[in-house]
Amino acid sequence: MVVSHQPLEFSWRNSELINGGLVEAMTALKTDHIGGILIPGSISVVQQLLAAGLVDEFRLLVHPVAARKGRRLFDQGDVPYHLKMVATESFPTGVIRVIYSPTDAPPKVGYDTIKDKVPEGR
């Protein structure tokens, strides 16, 4: 499936333009128990699916470069997205692959609850 704001002609097999809204189309695909849905590089699509609660996993490649400009994957909304790390892998180039999945917010705890678990300073 292809997401686009403009009509497209497809020259490759098994391709179709999503008709209607993105969130509705992805919800239908997930309901049909299709295999994994991979979004290989559209920040706007990922942001819409994340806001709708349709992202099951993030597979990120972290490069050892501080770009300092460009679009952000996570928007500046009011509610944080809580994630848990599922896997990591590092490569000789310094690139790190990390997989996160959404999770519930951690419970709120105060210092008295965790002070026995804090390592002592050096």
PDB file of N, CA and C in Angstrom:
ATOM      1  N   MET A   1       0.842  -1.165   0.000  1.00  0.00           N
ATOM      2  CA  MET A   1       0.000   0.000   0.000  1.00  0.00           C
ATOM      3  C   MET A   1       0.894   1.237   0.000  1.00  0.00           C
ATOM      4  N   VAL A   2       0.434   2.244  -0.684  1.00  0.00           N
ATOM      5  CA  VAL A   2       1.186   3.471  -0.818  1.00  0.00           C
ATOM      6  C   VAL A   2       0.343   4.621  -0.301  1.00  0.00           C
ATOM      7  N   VAL A   3       0.975   5.494   0.487  1.00  0.00           N
ATOM      8  CA  VAL A   3       0.308   6.678   1.018  1.00  0.00           C
ATOM      9  C   VAL A   3       0.781   7.871   0.202  1.00  0.00           C
ATOM     10  N   SER A   4      -0.162   8.660  -0.314  1.00  0.00           N
ATOM     11  CA  SER A   4       0.214   9.837  -1.093  1.00  0.00           C
ATOM     12  C   SER A   4      -0.931  10.840  -1.077  1.00  0.00           C
ATOM     13  N   HIS A   5      -0.571  12.123  -1.154  1.00  0.00           N
ATOM     14  CA  HIS A   5      -1.579  13.174  -1.259  1.00  0.00           C
ATOM     15  C   HIS A   5      -1.957  13.448  -2.707  1.00  0.00           C
ATOM     16  N   GLN A   6      -1.288  12.806  -3.638  1.00  0.00           N
ATOM     17  CA  GLN A   6      -1.559  13.039  -5.048  1.00  0.00           C
ATOM     18  C   GLN A   6      -1.759  11.718  -5.765  1.00  0.00           C
ATOM     19  N   PRO A   7      -2.499  11.724  -6.871  1.00  0.00           N
ATOM     20  CA  PRO A   7      -2.703  10.475  -7.616  1.00  0.00           C
ATOM     21  C   PRO A   7      -1.383   9.963  -8.193  1.00  0.00           C
ATOM     22  N   LEU A   8      -1.222   8.674  -8.206  1.00  0.00           N
ATOM     23  CA  LEU A   8       0.008   8.058  -8.703  1.00  0.00           C
ATOM     24  C   LEU A   8      -0.326   6.956  -9.696  1.00  0.00           C
ATOM     25  N   GLU A   9       0.571   6.709 -10.628  1.00  0.00           N
ATOM     26  CA  GLU A   9       0.479   5.545 -11.505  1.00  0.00           C
ATOM     27  C   GLU A   9       1.556   4.573 -11.051  1.00  0.00           C
ATOM     28  N   PHE A  10       1.181   3.326 -10.842  1.00  0.00           N
ATOM     29  CA  PHE A  10       2.121   2.339 -10.337  1.00  0.00           C
ATOM     30  C   PHE A  10       2.665   1.498 -11.470  1.00  0.00           C
ATOM     31  N   SER A  11       3.975   1.377 -11.501  1.00  0.00           N
ATOM     32  CA  SER A  11       4.611   0.532 -12.512  1.00  0.00           C
ATOM     33  C   SER A  11       5.131  -0.762 -11.888  1.00  0.00           C
ATOM     34  N   TRP A  12       4.953  -0.922 -10.580  1.00  0.00           N
ATOM     35  CA  TRP A  12       5.409  -2.150  -9.942  1.00  0.00           C
ATOM     36  C   TRP A  12       4.198  -2.951  -9.455  1.00  0.00           C
ATOM     37  N   ARG A  13       4.404  -4.255  -9.320  1.00  0.00           N
ATOM     38  CA  ARG A  13       3.315  -5.170  -8.989  1.00  0.00           C
ATOM     39  C   ARG A  13       2.861  -5.016  -7.545  1.00  0.00           C
ATOM     40  N   ASN A  14       1.635  -5.459  -7.311  1.00  0.00           N
ATOM     41  CA  ASN A  14       1.077  -5.548  -5.961  1.00  0.00           C
ATOM     42  C   ASN A  14       1.126  -4.230  -5.202  1.00  0.00           C
ATOM     43  N   SER A  15       0.862  -3.132  -5.892  1.00  0.00           N
ATOM     44  CA  SER A  15       0.848  -1.814  -5.254  1.00  0.00           C
ATOM     45  C   SER A  15      -0.512  -1.180  -5.436  1.00  0.00           C
ATOM     46  N   GLU A  16      -0.957  -0.529  -4.394  1.00  0.00           N
ATOM     47  CA  GLU A  16      -2.211   0.207  -4.498  1.00  0.00           C
ATOM     48  C   GLU A  16      -2.164   1.414  -3.584  1.00  0.00           C
ATOM     49  N   LEU A  17      -2.835   2.450  -4.017  1.00  0.00           N
ATOM     50  CA  LEU A  17      -2.910   3.683  -3.250  1.00  0.00           C
ATOM     51  C   LEU A  17      -3.980   3.527  -2.178  1.00  0.00           C
ATOM     52  N   ILE A  18      -3.685   3.970  -0.981  1.00  0.00           N
ATOM     53  CA  ILE A  18      -4.675   3.915   0.090  1.00  0.00           C
ATOM     54  C   ILE A  18      -5.806   4.877  -0.243  1.00  0.00           C
ATOM     55  N   ASN A  19      -7.001   4.352  -0.262  1.00  0.00           N
ATOM     56  CA  ASN A  19      -8.179   5.192  -0.484  1.00  0.00           C
ATOM     57  C   ASN A  19      -8.770   5.548   0.864  1.00  0.00           C
ATOM     58  N   GLY A  20      -9.044   6.812   1.083  1.00  0.00           N
ATOM     59  CA  GLY A  20      -9.582   7.240   2.363  1.00  0.00           C
ATOM     60  C   GLY A  20      -8.467   7.619   3.313  1.00  0.00           C
ATOM     61  N   GLY A  21      -8.778   7.622   4.580  1.00  0.00           N
ATOM     62  CA  GLY A  21      -7.823   8.065   5.588  1.00  0.00           C
ATOM     63  C   GLY A  21      -6.777   7.025   5.920  1.00  0.00           C
ATOM     64  N   LEU A  22      -5.598   7.495   6.239  1.00  0.00           N
ATOM     65  CA  LEU A  22      -4.482   6.625   6.599  1.00  0.00           C
ATOM     66  C   LEU A  22      -4.788   5.799   7.843  1.00  0.00           C
ATOM     67  N   VAL A  23      -5.270   6.450   8.890  1.00  0.00           N
ATOM     68  CA  VAL A  23      -5.531   5.750  10.150  1.00  0.00           C
ATOM     69  C   VAL A  23      -6.591   4.668   9.954  1.00  0.00           C
ATOM     70  N   GLU A  24      -7.621   4.961   9.206  1.00  0.00           N
ATOM     71  CA  GLU A  24      -8.674   3.971   8.953  1.00  0.00           C
ATOM     72  C   GLU A  24      -8.123   2.781   8.168  1.00  0.00           C
ATOM     73  N   ALA A  25      -7.292   3.057   7.162  1.00  0.00           N
ATOM     74  CA  ALA A  25      -6.723   1.979   6.344  1.00  0.00           C
ATOM     75  C   ALA A  25      -5.795   1.090   7.174  1.00  0.00           C
ATOM     76  N   MET A  26      -4.961   1.694   8.008  1.00  0.00           N
ATOM     77  CA  MET A  26      -4.045   0.904   8.829  1.00  0.00           C
ATOM     78  C   MET A  26      -4.795   0.123   9.906  1.00  0.00           C
ATOM     79  N   THR A  27      -5.841   0.727  10.464  1.00  0.00           N
ATOM     80  CA  THR A  27      -6.664   0.013  11.444  1.00  0.00           C
ATOM     81  C   THR A  27      -7.285  -1.218  10.796  1.00  0.00           C
ATOM     82  N   ALA A  28      -7.770  -1.073   9.577  1.00  0.00           N
ATOM     83  CA  ALA A  28      -8.361  -2.207   8.858  1.00  0.00           C
ATOM     84  C   ALA A  28      -7.318  -3.291   8.590  1.00  0.00           C
ATOM     85  N   LEU A  29      -6.120  -2.899   8.184  1.00  0.00           N
ATOM     86  CA  LEU A  29      -5.067  -3.889   7.946  1.00  0.00           C
ATOM     87  C   LEU A  29      -4.720  -4.644   9.226  1.00  0.00           C
ATOM     88  N   LYS A  30      -4.600  -3.932  10.339  1.00  0.00           N
ATOM     89  CA  LYS A  30      -4.285  -4.597  11.600  1.00  0.00           C
ATOM     90  C   LYS A  30      -5.420  -5.512  12.047  1.00  0.00           C
ATOM     91  N   THR A  31      -6.655  -5.094  11.783  1.00  0.00           N
ATOM     92  CA  THR A  31      -7.812  -5.904  12.140  1.00  0.00           C
ATOM     93  C   THR A  31      -7.836  -7.195  11.325  1.00  0.00           C
ATOM     94  N   ASP A  32      -7.382  -7.109  10.074  1.00  0.00           N
ATOM     95  CA  ASP A  32      -7.336  -8.293   9.205  1.00  0.00           C
ATOM     96  C   ASP A  32      -6.169  -9.211   9.527  1.00  0.00           C
ATOM     97  N   HIS A  33      -5.418  -8.882  10.559  1.00  0.00           N
ATOM     98  CA  HIS A  33      -4.282  -9.694  11.022  1.00  0.00           C
ATOM     99  C   HIS A  33      -3.251  -9.910   9.925  1.00  0.00           C
ATOM    100  N   ILE A  34      -3.042  -8.869   9.146  1.00  0.00           N
ATOM    101  CA  ILE A  34      -1.983  -8.937   8.138  1.00  0.00           C
ATOM    102  C   ILE A  34      -0.654  -9.032   8.877  1.00  0.00           C
ATOM    103  N   GLY A  35       0.385  -9.520   8.226  1.00  0.00           N
ATOM    104  CA  GLY A  35       1.700  -9.582   8.865  1.00  0.00           C
ATOM    105  C   GLY A  35       2.151  -8.191   9.263  1.00  0.00           C
ATOM    106  N   GLY A  36       3.410  -7.999   9.467  1.00  0.00           N
ATOM    107  CA  GLY A  36       3.920  -6.704   9.879  1.00  0.00           C
ATOM    108  C   GLY A  36       3.705  -5.633   8.826  1.00  0.00           C
ATOM    109  N   ILE A  37       3.522  -4.435   9.283  1.00  0.00           N
ATOM    110  CA  ILE A  37       3.414  -3.268   8.413  1.00  0.00           C
ATOM    111  C   ILE A  37       4.662  -2.439   8.666  1.00  0.00           C
ATOM    112  N   LEU A  38       5.450  -2.234   7.640  1.00  0.00           N
ATOM    113  CA  LEU A  38       6.705  -1.512   7.768  1.00  0.00           C
ATOM    114  C   LEU A  38       6.579  -0.150   7.117  1.00  0.00           C
ATOM    115  N   ILE A  39       6.949   0.884   7.828  1.00  0.00           N
ATOM    116  CA  ILE A  39       6.970   2.247   7.300  1.00  0.00           C
ATOM    117  C   ILE A  39       8.443   2.629   7.203  1.00  0.00           C
ATOM    118  N   PRO A  40       9.038   2.554   6.009  1.00  0.00           N
ATOM    119  CA  PRO A  40      10.491   2.722   5.914  1.00  0.00           C
ATOM    120  C   PRO A  40      10.998   4.154   5.763  1.00  0.00           C
ATOM    121  N   GLY A  41      10.282   5.138   6.237  1.00  0.00           N
ATOM    122  CA  GLY A  41      10.885   6.455   6.181  1.00  0.00           C
ATOM    123  C   GLY A  41       9.950   7.609   5.924  1.00  0.00           C
ATOM    124  N   SER A  42       8.781   7.617   6.481  1.00  0.00           N
ATOM    125  CA  SER A  42       7.886   8.750   6.339  1.00  0.00           C
ATOM    126  C   SER A  42       7.544   9.261   7.734  1.00  0.00           C
ATOM    127  N   ILE A  43       8.158  10.363   8.122  1.00  0.00           N
ATOM    128  CA  ILE A  43       7.921  10.909   9.456  1.00  0.00           C
ATOM    129  C   ILE A  43       6.453  11.244   9.648  1.00  0.00           C
ATOM    130  N   SER A  44       5.813  11.854   8.657  1.00  0.00           N
ATOM    131  CA  SER A  44       4.416  12.266   8.821  1.00  0.00           C
ATOM    132  C   SER A  44       3.490  11.061   8.986  1.00  0.00           C
ATOM    133  N   VAL A  45       3.757   9.973   8.268  1.00  0.00           N
ATOM    134  CA  VAL A  45       2.933   8.765   8.403  1.00  0.00           C
ATOM    135  C   VAL A  45       3.129   8.164   9.788  1.00  0.00           C
ATOM    136  N   VAL A  46       4.379   8.047  10.233  1.00  0.00           N
ATOM    137  CA  VAL A  46       4.654   7.476  11.555  1.00  0.00           C
ATOM    138  C   VAL A  46       4.012   8.332  12.644  1.00  0.00           C
ATOM    139  N   GLN A  47       4.090   9.649  12.531  1.00  0.00           N
ATOM    140  CA  GLN A  47       3.493  10.526  13.542  1.00  0.00           C
ATOM    141  C   GLN A  47       1.979  10.326  13.619  1.00  0.00           C
ATOM    142  N   GLN A  48       1.330  10.182  12.477  1.00  0.00           N
ATOM    143  CA  GLN A  48      -0.125   9.966  12.478  1.00  0.00           C
ATOM    144  C   GLN A  48      -0.483   8.622  13.105  1.00  0.00           C
ATOM    145  N   LEU A  49       0.270   7.589  12.767  1.00  0.00           N
ATOM    146  CA  LEU A  49      -0.012   6.263  13.312  1.00  0.00           C
ATOM    147  C   LEU A  49       0.309   6.190  14.802  1.00  0.00           C
ATOM    148  N   LEU A  50       1.350   6.865  15.223  1.00  0.00           N
ATOM    149  CA  LEU A  50       1.709   6.911  16.639  1.00  0.00           C
ATOM    150  C   LEU A  50       0.620   7.611  17.437  1.00  0.00           C
ATOM    151  N   ALA A  51       0.143   8.738  16.941  1.00  0.00           N
ATOM    152  CA  ALA A  51      -0.918   9.477  17.631  1.00  0.00           C
ATOM    153  C   ALA A  51      -2.193   8.654  17.734  1.00  0.00           C
ATOM    154  N   ALA A  52      -2.416   7.770  16.768  1.00  0.00           N
ATOM    155  CA  ALA A  52      -3.612   6.925  16.770  1.00  0.00           C
ATOM    156  C   ALA A  52      -3.411   5.633  17.562  1.00  0.00           C
ATOM    157  N   GLY A  53      -2.218   5.439  18.127  1.00  0.00           N
ATOM    158  CA  GLY A  53      -1.955   4.223  18.905  1.00  0.00           C
ATOM    159  C   GLY A  53      -1.764   2.988  18.052  1.00  0.00           C
ATOM    160  N   LEU A  54      -1.311   3.150  16.813  1.00  0.00           N
ATOM    161  CA  LEU A  54      -1.181   2.018  15.900  1.00  0.00           C
ATOM    162  C   LEU A  54       0.249   1.541  15.688  1.00  0.00           C
ATOM    163  N   VAL A  55       1.204   2.117  16.403  1.00  0.00           N
ATOM    164  CA  VAL A  55       2.603   1.699  16.262  1.00  0.00           C
ATOM    165  C   VAL A  55       2.899   0.628  17.304  1.00  0.00           C
ATOM    166  N   ASP A  56       3.368  -0.524  16.825  1.00  0.00           N
ATOM    167  CA  ASP A  56       3.715  -1.627  17.723  1.00  0.00           C
ATOM    168  C   ASP A  56       5.197  -1.657  18.053  1.00  0.00           C
ATOM    169  N   GLU A  57       5.999  -1.043  17.187  1.00  0.00           N
ATOM    170  CA  GLU A  57       7.441  -1.162  17.380  1.00  0.00           C
ATOM    171  C   GLU A  57       8.160  -0.081  16.571  1.00  0.00           C
ATOM    172  N   PHE A  58       9.238   0.433  17.138  1.00  0.00           N
ATOM    173  CA  PHE A  58      10.139   1.340  16.434  1.00  0.00           C
ATOM    174  C   PHE A  58      11.444   0.612  16.215  1.00  0.00           C
ATOM    175  N   ARG A  59      11.930   0.613  14.991  1.00  0.00           N
ATOM    176  CA  ARG A  59      13.256   0.072  14.676  1.00  0.00           C
ATOM    177  C   ARG A  59      14.087   1.246  14.180  1.00  0.00           C
ATOM    178  N   LEU A  60      14.938   1.731  15.038  1.00  0.00           N
ATOM    179  CA  LEU A  60      15.686   2.951  14.751  1.00  0.00           C
ATOM    180  C   LEU A  60      17.160   2.652  14.549  1.00  0.00           C
ATOM    181  N   LEU A  61      17.764   3.350  13.604  1.00  0.00           N
ATOM    182  CA  LEU A  61      19.211   3.326  13.426  1.00  0.00           C
ATOM    183  C   LEU A  61      19.735   4.671  13.903  1.00  0.00           C
ATOM    184  N   VAL A  62      20.584   4.631  14.910  1.00  0.00           N
ATOM    185  CA  VAL A  62      21.152   5.851  15.483  1.00  0.00           C
ATOM    186  C   VAL A  62      22.572   5.988  14.955  1.00  0.00           C
ATOM    187  N   HIS A  63      22.806   7.053  14.191  1.00  0.00           N
ATOM    188  CA  HIS A  63      24.112   7.292  13.589  1.00  0.00           C
ATOM    189  C   HIS A  63      24.911   8.258  14.461  1.00  0.00           C
ATOM    190  N   PRO A  64      26.221   8.107  14.498  1.00  0.00           N
ATOM    191  CA  PRO A  64      27.044   8.987  15.342  1.00  0.00           C
ATOM    192  C   PRO A  64      27.277  10.354  14.680  1.00  0.00           C
ATOM    193  N   VAL A  65      26.175  11.035  14.397  1.00  0.00           N
ATOM    194  CA  VAL A  65      26.221  12.356  13.778  1.00  0.00           C
ATOM    195  C   VAL A  65      25.151  13.214  14.454  1.00  0.00           C
ATOM    196  N   ALA A  66      25.497  14.423  14.841  1.00  0.00           N
ATOM    197  CA  ALA A  66      24.524  15.361  15.400  1.00  0.00           C
ATOM    198  C   ALA A  66      24.119  16.316  14.279  1.00  0.00           C
ATOM    199  N   ALA A  67      22.991  16.037  13.630  1.00  0.00           N
ATOM    200  CA  ALA A  67      22.565  16.798  12.453  1.00  0.00           C
ATOM    201  C   ALA A  67      22.218  18.247  12.796  1.00  0.00           C
ATOM    202  N   ARG A  68      21.643  18.480  13.971  1.00  0.00           N
ATOM    203  CA  ARG A  68      21.306  19.810  14.477  1.00  0.00           C
ATOM    204  C   ARG A  68      20.163  20.496  13.748  1.00  0.00           C
ATOM    205  N   LYS A  69      19.611  19.903  12.714  1.00  0.00           N
ATOM    206  CA  LYS A  69      18.450  20.474  12.062  1.00  0.00           C
ATOM    207  C   LYS A  69      17.703  19.353  11.367  1.00  0.00           C
ATOM    208  N   GLY A  70      16.508  19.654  10.932  1.00  0.00           N
ATOM    209  CA  GLY A  70      15.703  18.643  10.259  1.00  0.00           C
ATOM    210  C   GLY A  70      14.432  18.365  11.028  1.00  0.00           C
ATOM    211  N   ARG A  71      13.618  17.513  10.465  1.00  0.00           N
ATOM    212  CA  ARG A  71      12.343  17.172  11.087  1.00  0.00           C
ATOM    213  C   ARG A  71      12.555  16.195  12.229  1.00  0.00           C
ATOM    214  N   ARG A  72      11.691  16.315  13.229  1.00  0.00           N
ATOM    215  CA  ARG A  72      11.743  15.423  14.392  1.00  0.00           C
ATOM    216  C   ARG A  72      10.762  14.275  14.192  1.00  0.00           C
ATOM    217  N   LEU A  73      11.168  13.097  14.615  1.00  0.00           N
ATOM    218  CA  LEU A  73      10.281  11.944  14.548  1.00  0.00           C
ATOM    219  C   LEU A  73       9.125  12.112  15.534  1.00  0.00           C
ATOM    220  N   PHE A  74       9.442  12.574  16.728  1.00  0.00           N
ATOM    221  CA  PHE A  74       8.410  12.750  17.749  1.00  0.00           C
ATOM    222  C   PHE A  74       8.018  14.214  17.796  1.00  0.00           C
ATOM    223  N   ASP A  75       6.726  14.476  17.664  1.00  0.00           N
ATOM    224  CA  ASP A  75       6.233  15.848  17.665  1.00  0.00           C
ATOM    225  C   ASP A  75       6.333  16.461  19.059  1.00  0.00           C
ATOM    226  N   GLN A  76       5.925  17.693  19.179  1.00  0.00           N
ATOM    227  CA  GLN A  76       6.016  18.388  20.465  1.00  0.00           C
ATOM    228  C   GLN A  76       4.677  18.368  21.200  1.00  0.00           C
ATOM    229  N   GLY A  77       4.061  17.209  21.282  1.00  0.00           N
ATOM    230  CA  GLY A  77       2.788  17.078  21.978  1.00  0.00           C
ATOM    231  C   GLY A  77       2.947  17.166  23.482  1.00  0.00           C
ATOM    232  N   ASP A  78       1.823  17.182  24.167  1.00  0.00           N
ATOM    233  CA  ASP A  78       1.821  17.325  25.625  1.00  0.00           C
ATOM    234  C   ASP A  78       2.030  16.013  26.370  1.00  0.00           C
ATOM    235  N   VAL A  79       1.654  14.905  25.762  1.00  0.00           N
ATOM    236  CA  VAL A  79       1.722  13.610  26.443  1.00  0.00           C
ATOM    237  C   VAL A  79       2.962  12.849  25.953  1.00  0.00           C
ATOM    238  N   PRO A  80       3.820  12.395  26.863  1.00  0.00           N
ATOM    239  CA  PRO A  80       5.014  11.654  26.426  1.00  0.00           C
ATOM    240  C   PRO A  80       4.641  10.264  25.913  1.00  0.00           C
ATOM    241  N   TYR A  81       5.453   9.763  25.001  1.00  0.00           N
ATOM    242  CA  TYR A  81       5.314   8.387  24.526  1.00  0.00           C
ATOM    243  C   TYR A  81       6.291   7.555  25.347  1.00  0.00           C
ATOM    244  N   HIS A  82       5.781   6.611  26.095  1.00  0.00           N
ATOM    245  CA  HIS A  82       6.630   5.747  26.904  1.00  0.00           C
ATOM    246  C   HIS A  82       7.009   4.521  26.082  1.00  0.00           C
ATOM    247  N   LEU A  83       8.290   4.203  26.098  1.00  0.00           N
ATOM    248  CA  LEU A  83       8.816   3.107  25.297  1.00  0.00           C
ATOM    249  C   LEU A  83       9.646   2.185  26.167  1.00  0.00           C
ATOM    250  N   LYS A  84       9.702   0.907  25.773  1.00  0.00           N
ATOM    251  CA  LYS A  84      10.620  -0.027  26.416  1.00  0.00           C
ATOM    252  C   LYS A  84      11.547  -0.582  25.347  1.00  0.00           C
ATOM    253  N   MET A  85      12.808  -0.741  25.708  1.00  0.00           N
ATOM    254  CA  MET A  85      13.785  -1.270  24.772  1.00  0.00           C
ATOM    255  C   MET A  85      13.593  -2.768  24.638  1.00  0.00           C
ATOM    256  N   VAL A  86      13.501  -3.232  23.404  1.00  0.00           N
ATOM    257  CA  VAL A  86      13.323  -4.647  23.123  1.00  0.00           C
ATOM    258  C   VAL A  86      14.649  -5.295  22.731  1.00  0.00           C
ATOM    259  N   ALA A  87      15.456  -4.572  21.942  1.00  0.00           N
ATOM    260  CA  ALA A  87      16.735  -5.129  21.489  1.00  0.00           C
ATOM    261  C   ALA A  87      17.656  -4.002  21.038  1.00  0.00           C
ATOM    262  N   THR A  88      18.946  -4.277  21.087  1.00  0.00           N
ATOM    263  CA  THR A  88      19.943  -3.344  20.547  1.00  0.00           C
ATOM    264  C   THR A  88      21.012  -4.142  19.820  1.00  0.00           C
ATOM    265  N   GLU A  89      21.668  -3.473  18.893  1.00  0.00           N
ATOM    266  CA  GLU A  89      22.790  -4.070  18.180  1.00  0.00           C
ATOM    267  C   GLU A  89      23.691  -2.923  17.739  1.00  0.00           C
ATOM    268  N   SER A  90      24.992  -3.076  17.921  1.00  0.00           N
ATOM    269  CA  SER A  90      25.914  -2.035  17.468  1.00  0.00           C
ATOM    270  C   SER A  90      26.740  -2.574  16.308  1.00  0.00           C
ATOM    271  N   PHE A  91      27.124  -1.649  15.433  1.00  0.00           N
ATOM    272  CA  PHE A  91      27.883  -2.000  14.246  1.00  0.00           C
ATOM    273  C   PHE A  91      29.262  -1.335  14.301  1.00  0.00           C
ATOM    274  N   PRO A  92      30.244  -1.874  13.586  1.00  0.00           N
ATOM    275  CA  PRO A  92      31.596  -1.301  13.609  1.00  0.00           C
ATOM    276  C   PRO A  92      31.645   0.163  13.160  1.00  0.00           C
ATOM    277  N   THR A  93      30.672   0.617  12.427  1.00  0.00           N
ATOM    278  CA  THR A  93      30.636   2.005  11.961  1.00  0.00           C
ATOM    279  C   THR A  93      30.229   2.985  13.050  1.00  0.00           C
ATOM    280  N   GLY A  94      29.802   2.469  14.213  1.00  0.00           N
ATOM    281  CA  GLY A  94      29.310   3.327  15.279  1.00  0.00           C
ATOM    282  C   GLY A  94      27.798   3.457  15.265  1.00  0.00           C
ATOM    283  N   VAL A  95      27.147   2.919  14.247  1.00  0.00           N
ATOM    284  CA  VAL A  95      25.688   2.944  14.169  1.00  0.00           C
ATOM    285  C   VAL A  95      25.132   1.947  15.178  1.00  0.00           C
ATOM    286  N   ILE A  96      24.060   2.348  15.837  1.00  0.00           N
ATOM    287  CA  ILE A  96      23.380   1.470  16.789  1.00  0.00           C
ATOM    288  C   ILE A  96      21.958   1.248  16.300  1.00  0.00           C
ATOM    289  N   ARG A  97      21.550  -0.004  16.241  1.00  0.00           N
ATOM    290  CA  ARG A  97      20.154  -0.325  15.929  1.00  0.00           C
ATOM    291  C   ARG A  97      19.471  -0.603  17.254  1.00  0.00           C
ATOM    292  N   VAL A  98      18.360   0.067  17.474  1.00  0.00           N
ATOM    293  CA  VAL A  98      17.619  -0.133  18.716  1.00  0.00           C
ATOM    294  C   VAL A  98      16.151  -0.338  18.366  1.00  0.00           C
ATOM    295  N   ILE A  99      15.534  -1.272  19.036  1.00  0.00           N
ATOM    296  CA  ILE A  99      14.117  -1.558  18.830  1.00  0.00           C
ATOM    297  C   ILE A  99      13.382  -1.233  20.113  1.00  0.00           C
ATOM    298  N   TYR A 100      12.377  -0.397  19.996  1.00  0.00           N
ATOM    299  CA  TYR A 100      11.526  -0.012  21.123  1.00  0.00           C
ATOM    300  C   TYR A 100      10.088  -0.400  20.817  1.00  0.00           C
ATOM    301  N   SER A 101       9.336  -0.690  21.860  1.00  0.00           N
ATOM    302  CA  SER A 101       7.894  -0.873  21.709  1.00  0.00           C
ATOM    303  C   SER A 101       7.198   0.017  22.739  1.00  0.00           C
ATOM    304  N   PRO A 102       6.018   0.510  22.381  1.00  0.00           N
ATOM    305  CA  PRO A 102       5.273   1.337  23.344  1.00  0.00           C
ATOM    306  C   PRO A 102       4.942   0.544  24.601  1.00  0.00           C
ATOM    307  N   THR A 103       4.898   1.242  25.712  1.00  0.00           N
ATOM    308  CA  THR A 103       4.576   0.612  26.986  1.00  0.00           C
ATOM    309  C   THR A 103       3.804   1.607  27.846  1.00  0.00           C
ATOM    310  N   ASP A 104       3.269   1.131  28.927  1.00  0.00           N
ATOM    311  CA  ASP A 104       2.563   2.014  29.851  1.00  0.00           C
ATOM    312  C   ASP A 104       3.567   2.899  30.583  1.00  0.00           C
ATOM    313  N   ALA A 105       3.077   4.000  31.076  1.00  0.00           N
ATOM    314  CA  ALA A 105       3.915   4.906  31.861  1.00  0.00           C
ATOM    315  C   ALA A 105       4.362   4.194  33.135  1.00  0.00           C
ATOM    316  N   PRO A 106       5.591   4.431  33.560  1.00  0.00           N
ATOM    317  CA  PRO A 106       6.036   3.811  34.812  1.00  0.00           C
ATOM    318  C   PRO A 106       5.279   4.420  35.983  1.00  0.00           C
ATOM    319  N   PRO A 107       5.167   3.666  37.068  1.00  0.00           N
ATOM    320  CA  PRO A 107       4.472   4.225  38.231  1.00  0.00           C
ATOM    321  C   PRO A 107       5.264   5.394  38.806  1.00  0.00           C
ATOM    322  N   LYS A 108       4.556   6.337  39.385  1.00  0.00           N
ATOM    323  CA  LYS A 108       5.224   7.475  40.008  1.00  0.00           C
ATOM    324  C   LYS A 108       5.732   7.043  41.371  1.00  0.00           C
ATOM    325  N   VAL A 109       7.009   7.284  41.600  1.00  0.00           N
ATOM    326  CA  VAL A 109       7.617   6.944  42.881  1.00  0.00           C
ATOM    327  C   VAL A 109       8.427   8.131  43.376  1.00  0.00           C
ATOM    328  N   GLY A 110       8.567   8.216  44.654  1.00  0.00           N
ATOM    329  CA  GLY A 110       9.360   9.280  45.258  1.00  0.00           C
ATOM    330  C   GLY A 110      10.736   8.770  45.652  1.00  0.00           C
ATOM    331  N   TYR A 111      11.554   9.670  46.105  1.00  0.00           N
ATOM    332  CA  TYR A 111      12.916   9.337  46.491  1.00  0.00           C
ATOM    333  C   TYR A 111      12.945   8.279  47.592  1.00  0.00           C
ATOM    334  N   ASP A 112      12.055   8.380  48.549  1.00  0.00           N
ATOM    335  CA  ASP A 112      12.054   7.418  49.650  1.00  0.00           C
ATOM    336  C   ASP A 112      11.844   5.989  49.159  1.00  0.00           C
ATOM    337  N   THR A 113      11.145   5.827  48.047  1.00  0.00           N
ATOM    338  CA  THR A 113      10.879   4.498  47.505  1.00  0.00           C
ATOM    339  C   THR A 113      12.121   3.898  46.867  1.00  0.00           C
ATOM    340  N   ILE A 114      12.983   4.729  46.289  1.00  0.00           N
ATOM    341  CA  ILE A 114      14.124   4.204  45.532  1.00  0.00           C
ATOM    342  C   ILE A 114      15.494   4.484  46.148  1.00  0.00           C
ATOM    343  N   LYS A 115      15.545   5.171  47.272  1.00  0.00           N
ATOM    344  CA  LYS A 115      16.849   5.586  47.808  1.00  0.00           C
ATOM    345  C   LYS A 115      17.773   4.417  48.117  1.00  0.00           C
ATOM    346  N   ASP A 116      17.235   3.246  48.424  1.00  0.00           N
ATOM    347  CA  ASP A 116      18.076   2.070  48.692  1.00  0.00           C
ATOM    348  C   ASP A 116      18.664   1.490  47.409  1.00  0.00           C
ATOM    349  N   LYS A 117      18.153   1.877  46.265  1.00  0.00           N
ATOM    350  CA  LYS A 117      18.597   1.328  44.985  1.00  0.00           C
ATOM    351  C   LYS A 117      19.544   2.274  44.255  1.00  0.00           C
ATOM    352  N   VAL A 118      19.775   3.449  44.782  1.00  0.00           N
ATOM    353  CA  VAL A 118      20.664   4.420  44.148  1.00  0.00           C
ATOM    354  C   VAL A 118      22.101   4.078  44.515  1.00  0.00           C
ATOM    355  N   PRO A 119      22.998   3.921  43.505  1.00  0.00           N
ATOM    356  CA  PRO A 119      24.393   3.610  43.834  1.00  0.00           C
ATOM    357  C   PRO A 119      25.053   4.773  44.557  1.00  0.00           C
ATOM    358  N   GLU A 120      25.954   4.440  45.434  1.00  0.00           N
ATOM    359  CA  GLU A 120      26.655   5.490  46.184  1.00  0.00           C
ATOM    360  C   GLU A 120      27.653   6.184  45.279  1.00  0.00           C
ATOM    361  N   GLY A 121      27.852   7.490  45.515  1.00  0.00           N
ATOM    362  CA  GLY A 121      28.796   8.273  44.709  1.00  0.00           C
ATOM    363  C   GLY A 121      30.215   7.836  44.931  1.00  0.00           C
ATOM    364  N   ARG A 122      31.069   8.186  43.987  1.00  0.00           N
ATOM    365  CA  ARG A 122      32.488   7.795  44.083  1.00  0.00           C
ATOM    366  C   ARG A 122      33.302   8.922  44.641  1.00  0.00           C
TER     367      ARG A 122
END
